[in-house]
Amino acid sequence: MNNIKKTYRTEETKKKLINRLNRINGQINGVKKMIDEDTYCNDILIQLSAIKNSVQSLSNELLDSHLRTCITKDLKNGNQKAIDEVVNLFKKFNN
């Protein structure tokens, strides 16, 4: 039995998320190039911090959307397991 949940997003939302992921990918490729070019460690670490912040920002955006749409819908439909899902997400974010 296939119980895979899906979140359907508008094309505009998908485009926005993919653009952010592409920027993050660009940042990662930039770090690869920096390593290949023997760039000073401090400069690479600064870029890694920027990548971490970009990923965190994207994660926060997705979490906000998830809480406002998917979790709200589940709770309105009486699915109390949605609370466990949120608790587990917050545990992952705090590790």
N, C-alpha and C. Protein backbone atom coordinates (compact mmCIF):
# COMPACT_ATOMS: atom_id res chain seq x y z
N MET A 1 0.84 -1.19 0.00
CA MET A 1 0.00 0.00 0.00
C MET A 1 0.88 1.25 0.00
N ASN A 2 0.54 2.23 -0.82
CA ASN A 2 1.34 3.44 -0.97
C ASN A 2 0.75 4.55 -0.11
N ASN A 3 1.41 4.87 1.01
CA ASN A 3 0.93 5.92 1.92
C ASN A 3 1.84 7.14 1.89
N ILE A 4 2.44 7.40 0.75
CA ILE A 4 3.35 8.53 0.64
C ILE A 4 2.55 9.82 0.61
N LYS A 5 2.86 10.72 1.55
CA LYS A 5 2.21 12.02 1.59
C LYS A 5 2.88 12.93 0.57
N LYS A 6 2.11 13.85 0.03
CA LYS A 6 2.64 14.83 -0.90
C LYS A 6 2.14 16.20 -0.51
N THR A 7 2.93 17.20 -0.86
CA THR A 7 2.52 18.58 -0.71
C THR A 7 2.50 19.19 -2.11
N TYR A 8 1.35 19.58 -2.55
CA TYR A 8 1.22 20.18 -3.87
C TYR A 8 1.44 21.68 -3.75
N ARG A 9 2.38 22.19 -4.54
CA ARG A 9 2.74 23.60 -4.51
C ARG A 9 2.39 24.24 -5.84
N THR A 10 2.17 25.53 -5.80
CA THR A 10 1.93 26.25 -7.04
C THR A 10 3.23 26.29 -7.84
N GLU A 11 3.11 26.52 -9.13
CA GLU A 11 4.30 26.63 -9.97
C GLU A 11 5.18 27.78 -9.51
N GLU A 12 4.56 28.87 -9.07
CA GLU A 12 5.32 30.02 -8.57
C GLU A 12 6.13 29.65 -7.33
N THR A 13 5.51 28.91 -6.41
CA THR A 13 6.20 28.49 -5.20
C THR A 13 7.34 27.54 -5.54
N LYS A 14 7.08 26.59 -6.43
CA LYS A 14 8.13 25.66 -6.84
C LYS A 14 9.30 26.41 -7.45
N LYS A 15 9.00 27.36 -8.32
CA LYS A 15 10.06 28.13 -8.97
C LYS A 15 10.89 28.89 -7.94
N LYS A 16 10.22 29.48 -6.98
CA LYS A 16 10.91 30.24 -5.93
C LYS A 16 11.84 29.32 -5.12
N LEU A 17 11.34 28.16 -4.73
CA LEU A 17 12.15 27.22 -3.94
C LEU A 17 13.33 26.68 -4.76
N ILE A 18 13.07 26.33 -6.02
CA ILE A 18 14.14 25.82 -6.88
C ILE A 18 15.21 26.89 -7.11
N ASN A 19 14.79 28.15 -7.28
CA ASN A 19 15.77 29.23 -7.45
C ASN A 19 16.66 29.36 -6.22
N ARG A 20 16.07 29.23 -5.05
CA ARG A 20 16.88 29.30 -3.82
C ARG A 20 17.85 28.13 -3.73
N LEU A 21 17.36 26.94 -4.10
CA LEU A 21 18.24 25.77 -4.10
C LEU A 21 19.37 25.92 -5.12
N ASN A 22 19.06 26.50 -6.26
CA ASN A 22 20.09 26.73 -7.27
C ASN A 22 21.15 27.70 -6.77
N ARG A 23 20.73 28.73 -6.03
CA ARG A 23 21.71 29.67 -5.44
C ARG A 23 22.60 28.94 -4.43
N ILE A 24 21.99 28.09 -3.61
CA ILE A 24 22.76 27.32 -2.63
C ILE A 24 23.75 26.40 -3.36
N ASN A 25 23.28 25.77 -4.41
CA ASN A 25 24.16 24.91 -5.20
C ASN A 25 25.32 25.72 -5.78
N GLY A 26 25.04 26.92 -6.22
CA GLY A 26 26.09 27.80 -6.72
C GLY A 26 27.11 28.14 -5.64
N GLN A 27 26.61 28.38 -4.43
CA GLN A 27 27.50 28.65 -3.32
C GLN A 27 28.39 27.44 -3.05
N ILE A 28 27.83 26.26 -3.07
CA ILE A 28 28.59 25.04 -2.82
C ILE A 28 29.65 24.84 -3.91
N ASN A 29 29.25 25.07 -5.15
CA ASN A 29 30.23 24.96 -6.23
C ASN A 29 31.35 25.99 -6.08
N GLY A 30 31.00 27.17 -5.58
CA GLY A 30 32.01 28.19 -5.32
C GLY A 30 33.01 27.73 -4.27
N VAL A 31 32.53 27.05 -3.25
CA VAL A 31 33.43 26.54 -2.20
C VAL A 31 34.33 25.45 -2.77
N LYS A 32 33.78 24.59 -3.62
CA LYS A 32 34.60 23.56 -4.27
C LYS A 32 35.74 24.21 -5.03
N LYS A 33 35.41 25.26 -5.76
CA LYS A 33 36.43 25.98 -6.55
C LYS A 33 37.47 26.61 -5.62
N MET A 34 37.01 27.18 -4.52
CA MET A 34 37.92 27.79 -3.56
C MET A 34 38.91 26.75 -3.02
N ILE A 35 38.40 25.57 -2.72
CA ILE A 35 39.27 24.51 -2.20
C ILE A 35 40.27 24.11 -3.28
N ASP A 36 39.77 23.95 -4.49
CA ASP A 36 40.64 23.57 -5.61
C ASP A 36 41.73 24.61 -5.85
N GLU A 37 41.42 25.87 -5.59
CA GLU A 37 42.37 26.97 -5.81
C GLU A 37 43.18 27.31 -4.57
N ASP A 38 43.10 26.45 -3.54
CA ASP A 38 43.87 26.64 -2.31
C ASP A 38 43.57 27.97 -1.61
N THR A 39 42.30 28.36 -1.64
CA THR A 39 41.88 29.60 -0.97
C THR A 39 42.09 29.48 0.53
N TYR A 40 42.41 30.58 1.15
CA TYR A 40 42.66 30.66 2.59
C TYR A 40 41.45 30.10 3.37
N CYS A 41 41.74 29.29 4.39
CA CYS A 41 40.69 28.59 5.18
C CYS A 41 39.61 29.54 5.68
N ASN A 42 40.01 30.68 6.20
CA ASN A 42 39.05 31.63 6.77
C ASN A 42 38.02 32.05 5.73
N ASP A 43 38.46 32.28 4.51
CA ASP A 43 37.54 32.69 3.44
C ASP A 43 36.56 31.57 3.10
N ILE A 44 37.03 30.34 3.11
CA ILE A 44 36.14 29.20 2.85
C ILE A 44 35.13 29.05 3.97
N LEU A 45 35.60 29.19 5.20
CA LEU A 45 34.70 29.06 6.35
C LEU A 45 33.61 30.12 6.33
N ILE A 46 33.95 31.32 5.91
CA ILE A 46 32.95 32.38 5.79
C ILE A 46 31.89 31.99 4.77
N GLN A 47 32.32 31.42 3.65
CA GLN A 47 31.37 30.98 2.63
C GLN A 47 30.52 29.83 3.13
N LEU A 48 31.12 28.92 3.89
CA LEU A 48 30.35 27.80 4.46
C LEU A 48 29.29 28.32 5.44
N SER A 49 29.63 29.34 6.18
CA SER A 49 28.66 29.95 7.09
C SER A 49 27.50 30.56 6.30
N ALA A 50 27.82 31.18 5.18
CA ALA A 50 26.78 31.76 4.33
C ALA A 50 25.86 30.66 3.78
N ILE A 51 26.46 29.53 3.40
CA ILE A 51 25.66 28.39 2.90
C ILE A 51 24.75 27.88 4.01
N LYS A 52 25.31 27.73 5.20
CA LYS A 52 24.51 27.26 6.34
C LYS A 52 23.32 28.19 6.57
N ASN A 53 23.56 29.50 6.51
CA ASN A 53 22.48 30.47 6.71
C ASN A 53 21.44 30.38 5.60
N SER A 54 21.89 30.15 4.37
CA SER A 54 20.96 30.02 3.24
C SER A 54 20.08 28.79 3.41
N VAL A 55 20.69 27.68 3.80
CA VAL A 55 19.93 26.44 4.01
C VAL A 55 18.96 26.62 5.17
N GLN A 56 19.40 27.26 6.23
CA GLN A 56 18.53 27.49 7.39
C GLN A 56 17.34 28.37 7.02
N SER A 57 17.59 29.40 6.23
CA SER A 57 16.52 30.28 5.79
C SER A 57 15.50 29.53 4.94
N LEU A 58 15.97 28.70 4.04
CA LEU A 58 15.07 27.89 3.21
C LEU A 58 14.28 26.90 4.08
N SER A 59 14.96 26.28 5.03
CA SER A 59 14.29 25.35 5.95
C SER A 59 13.21 26.05 6.74
N ASN A 60 13.50 27.25 7.23
CA ASN A 60 12.51 28.01 7.99
C ASN A 60 11.30 28.36 7.14
N GLU A 61 11.54 28.71 5.88
CA GLU A 61 10.44 29.03 4.98
C GLU A 61 9.56 27.81 4.75
N LEU A 62 10.19 26.66 4.51
CA LEU A 62 9.41 25.44 4.31
C LEU A 62 8.67 25.02 5.57
N LEU A 63 9.31 25.17 6.72
CA LEU A 63 8.66 24.82 7.98
C LEU A 63 7.44 25.71 8.21
N ASP A 64 7.59 27.00 7.97
CA ASP A 64 6.48 27.93 8.13
C ASP A 64 5.31 27.52 7.23
N SER A 65 5.61 27.22 5.98
CA SER A 65 4.58 26.80 5.04
C SER A 65 3.93 25.49 5.48
N HIS A 66 4.76 24.56 5.93
CA HIS A 66 4.26 23.26 6.37
C HIS A 66 3.28 23.40 7.55
N LEU A 67 3.66 24.24 8.50
CA LEU A 67 2.79 24.45 9.67
C LEU A 67 1.48 25.12 9.28
N ARG A 68 1.55 26.08 8.38
CA ARG A 68 0.36 26.84 7.99
C ARG A 68 -0.57 26.08 7.04
N THR A 69 -0.03 25.09 6.35
CA THR A 69 -0.86 24.37 5.37
C THR A 69 -1.08 22.92 5.80
N CYS A 70 -0.07 22.11 5.65
CA CYS A 70 -0.21 20.66 5.87
C CYS A 70 -0.65 20.33 7.30
N ILE A 71 0.05 20.87 8.28
CA ILE A 71 -0.26 20.54 9.68
C ILE A 71 -1.62 21.09 10.07
N THR A 72 -1.91 22.32 9.65
CA THR A 72 -3.22 22.91 9.95
C THR A 72 -4.34 22.06 9.37
N LYS A 73 -4.16 21.61 8.13
CA LYS A 73 -5.16 20.77 7.47
C LYS A 73 -5.33 19.45 8.22
N ASP A 74 -4.20 18.82 8.59
CA ASP A 74 -4.28 17.56 9.33
C ASP A 74 -5.01 17.72 10.65
N LEU A 75 -4.71 18.78 11.37
CA LEU A 75 -5.37 19.00 12.67
C LEU A 75 -6.86 19.26 12.50
N LYS A 76 -7.22 20.03 11.48
CA LYS A 76 -8.64 20.29 11.22
C LYS A 76 -9.38 19.00 10.88
N ASN A 77 -8.65 18.06 10.27
CA ASN A 77 -9.24 16.77 9.91
C ASN A 77 -9.14 15.75 11.04
N GLY A 78 -8.69 16.19 12.21
CA GLY A 78 -8.65 15.32 13.37
C GLY A 78 -7.42 14.43 13.47
N ASN A 79 -6.43 14.67 12.65
CA ASN A 79 -5.20 13.87 12.70
C ASN A 79 -4.26 14.42 13.76
N GLN A 80 -4.36 13.87 14.96
CA GLN A 80 -3.53 14.33 16.07
C GLN A 80 -2.08 13.89 15.93
N LYS A 81 -1.80 12.94 15.04
CA LYS A 81 -0.41 12.51 14.81
C LYS A 81 0.41 13.63 14.19
N ALA A 82 -0.27 14.63 13.65
CA ALA A 82 0.42 15.79 13.08
C ALA A 82 1.24 16.50 14.16
N ILE A 83 0.76 16.46 15.39
CA ILE A 83 1.50 17.09 16.49
C ILE A 83 2.82 16.37 16.71
N ASP A 84 2.80 15.04 16.66
CA ASP A 84 4.04 14.26 16.79
C ASP A 84 5.01 14.61 15.66
N GLU A 85 4.46 14.78 14.47
CA GLU A 85 5.29 15.15 13.32
C GLU A 85 6.00 16.48 13.58
N VAL A 86 5.27 17.46 14.10
CA VAL A 86 5.86 18.77 14.38
C VAL A 86 6.91 18.66 15.48
N VAL A 87 6.61 17.92 16.52
CA VAL A 87 7.57 17.74 17.61
C VAL A 87 8.86 17.12 17.08
N ASN A 88 8.74 16.10 16.24
CA ASN A 88 9.93 15.46 15.67
C ASN A 88 10.71 16.41 14.76
N LEU A 89 10.00 17.26 14.02
CA LEU A 89 10.69 18.25 13.19
C LEU A 89 11.50 19.21 14.05
N PHE A 90 10.89 19.70 15.13
CA PHE A 90 11.61 20.62 15.99
C PHE A 90 12.82 19.95 16.65
N LYS A 91 12.70 18.68 16.98
CA LYS A 91 13.84 17.96 17.54
C LYS A 91 14.97 17.91 16.53
N LYS A 92 14.65 17.65 15.26
CA LYS A 92 15.68 17.61 14.21
C LYS A 92 16.33 18.98 14.02
N PHE A 93 15.53 20.04 14.09
CA PHE A 93 16.05 21.38 13.90
C PHE A 93 16.94 21.81 15.06
N ASN A 94 16.74 21.25 16.22
CA ASN A 94 17.51 21.66 17.40
C ASN A 94 18.73 20.80 17.64
N ASN A 95 19.04 19.89 16.75
CA ASN A 95 20.24 19.05 16.90
C ASN A 95 21.40 19.62 16.15
